[in-house]
Amino acid sequence: MPSITKLSKFLSLVLRHKPDTIGLSLDEGGWAEIDRLVEKAGKAGMQMNAALVRQVVATSDKQRFCISPDGTHIRANQGHSIPVELMLNESQPPDLLYHGTAIQNIRSIRNVGIRPEKRNYVHLSPNAEMAFKVGGRHGKPVVLTILAADMFQNGIKFFLSENGIWLTDYVAPEYLIR
């Protein structure tokens, strides 16, 4: 069986970006049957079982995935680059949110803002510590502070994912604290 880390990365790939790499189909909400996932992954050379999948979900510090209330399906909470409808309700954000990025991205962000790039949404963290960890995955980390309450007051929508990450379509440069 693969390590928990290796399995988590594999689940991120197939549930957020490329389910077709193992012939998996997600429904419109991004859900996949756990049994089907296990079957398709095994045929593609990634041996796992339903208990191991549930262990990844339960022990993930980032809570990237969730299990359906009936325990039969799994999906990624956010971070998709494929079209899915997460069915999240619009929520009022706190006054400030944070975005972690690498230092080499700062000039572009200051000029054009924060765009989702290949993902469906811009991801914002509820605290600077979490954003710092995110930014560190791509190089020397920098944390940007976002005037989320101002954005919301100006009609920009926010959604809160199940793992506490805030999602929005775009952050314009004027909402960045300089």
Protein backbone atom coordinates (compact mmCIF):
# COMPACT_ATOMS: atom_id res chain seq x y z
CA MET A 1 0.00 0.00 0.00
CA PRO A 2 1.20 3.56 -0.70
CA SER A 3 2.12 5.98 2.07
CA ILE A 4 -0.54 8.38 3.30
CA THR A 5 1.33 11.29 1.65
CA LYS A 6 1.60 9.51 -1.69
CA LEU A 7 -2.07 8.56 -1.58
CA SER A 8 -3.10 12.12 -0.68
CA LYS A 9 -1.19 13.47 -3.68
CA PHE A 10 -2.77 10.83 -5.90
CA LEU A 11 -6.25 11.73 -4.63
CA SER A 12 -5.52 15.41 -5.29
CA LEU A 13 -4.61 14.58 -8.86
CA VAL A 14 -7.67 12.46 -9.65
CA LEU A 15 -10.26 14.36 -7.59
CA ARG A 16 -9.12 17.91 -8.43
CA HIS A 17 -7.48 17.79 -11.83
CA LYS A 18 -7.36 14.59 -13.88
CA PRO A 19 -9.91 11.92 -13.01
CA ASP A 20 -9.58 10.61 -16.56
CA THR A 21 -6.00 9.45 -15.89
CA ILE A 22 -7.54 6.40 -14.22
CA GLY A 23 -10.83 6.39 -16.14
CA LEU A 24 -12.76 7.82 -13.20
CA SER A 25 -15.88 9.93 -13.64
CA LEU A 26 -16.89 12.60 -11.14
CA ASP A 27 -20.45 13.82 -10.84
CA GLU A 28 -21.28 17.52 -11.29
CA GLY A 29 -20.42 18.19 -7.63
CA GLY A 30 -17.01 16.55 -7.93
CA TRP A 31 -18.04 13.39 -6.05
CA ALA A 32 -16.70 9.91 -6.86
CA GLU A 33 -17.83 6.58 -5.45
CA ILE A 34 -15.11 5.35 -3.10
CA ASP A 35 -15.45 1.76 -4.31
CA ARG A 36 -15.15 2.86 -7.95
CA LEU A 37 -12.14 5.04 -7.09
CA VAL A 38 -10.42 2.09 -5.38
CA GLU A 39 -11.20 -0.17 -8.34
CA LYS A 40 -10.01 2.28 -11.01
CA ALA A 41 -6.89 3.23 -9.03
CA GLY A 42 -5.97 -0.44 -8.65
CA LYS A 43 -6.26 -1.03 -12.38
CA ALA A 44 -3.98 1.99 -12.90
CA GLY A 45 -1.36 0.57 -10.53
CA MET A 46 -2.19 2.51 -7.35
CA GLN A 47 -3.18 -0.10 -4.79
CA MET A 48 -5.44 1.12 -2.00
CA ASN A 49 -8.62 0.21 -0.17
CA ALA A 50 -11.60 2.15 1.17
CA ALA A 51 -10.23 2.13 4.74
CA LEU A 52 -6.99 3.75 3.58
CA VAL A 53 -8.92 6.39 1.62
CA ARG A 54 -10.93 7.20 4.76
CA GLN A 55 -7.69 7.37 6.77
CA VAL A 56 -6.28 9.97 4.37
CA VAL A 57 -9.43 12.08 4.76
CA ALA A 58 -9.46 11.76 8.55
CA THR A 59 -5.77 12.50 9.11
CA SER A 60 -5.10 15.21 6.55
CA ASP A 61 -3.97 18.40 8.27
CA LYS A 62 -5.19 20.43 5.28
CA GLN A 63 -8.55 18.64 5.06
CA ARG A 64 -8.45 18.63 1.26
CA PHE A 65 -11.14 15.95 0.96
CA CYS A 66 -14.47 15.04 2.49
CA ILE A 67 -16.60 11.93 2.64
CA SER A 68 -20.32 12.12 1.87
CA PRO A 69 -22.73 11.81 4.81
CA ASP A 70 -23.63 8.26 3.73
CA GLY A 71 -19.93 7.31 3.61
CA THR A 72 -19.94 6.09 0.00
CA HIS A 73 -18.45 9.05 -1.90
CA ILE A 74 -15.40 11.31 -1.71
CA ARG A 75 -14.55 14.68 -3.20
CA ALA A 76 -11.95 17.41 -2.96
CA ASN A 77 -13.11 20.40 -0.91
CA GLN A 78 -11.61 22.91 -3.35
CA GLY A 79 -8.69 23.42 -5.70
CA HIS A 80 -10.28 21.99 -8.82
CA SER A 81 -8.99 22.81 -12.27
CA ILE A 82 -11.88 20.90 -13.84
CA PRO A 83 -15.46 22.16 -13.85
CA VAL A 84 -17.33 21.15 -10.69
CA GLU A 85 -20.19 22.74 -8.79
CA LEU A 86 -19.30 22.59 -5.09
CA MET A 87 -22.72 23.96 -4.11
CA LEU A 88 -21.20 26.34 -1.59
CA ASN A 89 -23.30 29.15 -0.19
CA GLU A 90 -22.15 32.71 -0.46
CA SER A 91 -20.69 33.81 2.88
CA GLN A 92 -19.57 37.08 4.40
CA PRO A 93 -15.81 36.91 4.93
CA PRO A 94 -13.90 38.33 7.88
CA ASP A 95 -12.43 41.81 7.45
CA LEU A 96 -9.06 40.44 6.35
CA LEU A 97 -7.99 37.29 4.55
CA TYR A 98 -4.54 36.18 3.44
CA HIS A 99 -2.95 34.81 0.29
CA GLY A 100 0.31 32.92 0.31
CA THR A 101 2.47 33.06 -2.78
CA ALA A 102 6.11 32.95 -3.79
CA ILE A 103 8.16 36.14 -3.90
CA GLN A 104 8.62 35.89 -7.68
CA ASN A 105 4.86 36.40 -8.15
CA ILE A 106 4.58 39.69 -6.25
CA ARG A 107 5.23 42.12 -9.11
CA SER A 108 2.57 40.50 -11.30
CA ILE A 109 0.05 40.35 -8.44
CA ARG A 110 0.61 44.02 -7.60
CA ASN A 111 -0.10 44.89 -11.26
CA VAL A 112 -3.00 42.57 -12.18
CA GLY A 113 -4.27 41.17 -8.89
CA ILE A 114 -4.73 37.57 -7.87
CA ARG A 115 -6.32 35.33 -10.49
CA PRO A 116 -7.31 31.70 -10.13
CA GLU A 117 -4.89 30.73 -12.93
CA LYS A 118 -5.66 27.07 -13.69
CA ARG A 119 -8.08 26.63 -10.79
CA ASN A 120 -11.72 27.55 -10.53
CA TYR A 121 -11.23 30.05 -7.67
CA VAL A 122 -8.64 32.15 -5.88
CA HIS A 123 -7.88 30.52 -2.51
CA LEU A 124 -7.58 32.73 0.56
CA SER A 125 -6.54 31.65 4.04
CA PRO A 126 -8.19 32.75 7.28
CA ASN A 127 -4.80 33.44 8.90
CA ALA A 128 -1.30 34.46 7.89
CA GLU A 129 0.32 31.29 9.23
CA MET A 130 -1.68 29.08 6.89
CA ALA A 131 -1.01 31.41 3.95
CA PHE A 132 2.72 31.32 4.72
CA LYS A 133 2.71 27.51 4.47
CA VAL A 134 0.88 27.69 1.14
CA GLY A 135 3.32 30.25 -0.25
CA GLY A 136 6.26 28.11 0.80
CA ARG A 137 5.25 25.34 -1.59
CA HIS A 138 6.26 27.50 -4.56
CA GLY A 139 9.44 29.23 -3.42
CA LYS A 140 10.33 31.87 -0.85
CA PRO A 141 6.93 32.62 0.72
CA VAL A 142 5.22 35.99 0.93
CA VAL A 143 1.87 36.61 2.59
CA LEU A 144 -0.48 39.20 1.13
CA THR A 145 -3.26 40.72 3.23
CA ILE A 146 -6.59 41.06 1.47
CA LEU A 147 -9.28 43.64 2.32
CA ALA A 148 -12.01 41.00 2.16
CA ALA A 149 -14.71 43.05 3.89
CA ASP A 150 -14.23 45.87 1.36
CA MET A 151 -14.49 43.40 -1.51
CA PHE A 152 -17.68 41.93 -0.07
CA GLN A 153 -19.21 45.39 0.48
CA ASN A 154 -18.49 46.10 -3.20
CA GLY A 155 -20.49 43.07 -4.29
CA ILE A 156 -17.72 40.52 -4.73
CA LYS A 157 -18.83 37.04 -3.73
CA PHE A 158 -17.02 34.78 -1.29
CA PHE A 159 -17.56 31.13 -0.53
CA LEU A 160 -16.28 29.20 2.47
CA SER A 161 -15.16 25.66 1.67
CA GLU A 162 -15.63 22.81 4.11
CA ASN A 163 -12.02 23.01 5.26
CA GLY A 164 -12.07 26.73 6.07
CA ILE A 165 -10.50 28.06 2.86
CA TRP A 166 -12.18 31.13 1.40
CA LEU A 167 -12.84 31.16 -2.34
CA THR A 168 -13.49 34.06 -4.69
CA ASP A 169 -13.20 34.67 -8.42
CA TYR A 170 -10.52 37.37 -8.40
CA VAL A 171 -8.75 39.82 -6.09
CA ALA A 172 -8.08 43.18 -7.73
CA PRO A 173 -4.86 45.02 -6.77
CA GLU A 174 -6.78 47.74 -4.92
CA TYR A 175 -7.85 45.17 -2.31
CA LEU A 176 -4.26 44.29 -1.38
CA ILE A 177 -2.79 46.01 1.66
CA ARG A 178 0.45 47.54 0.47
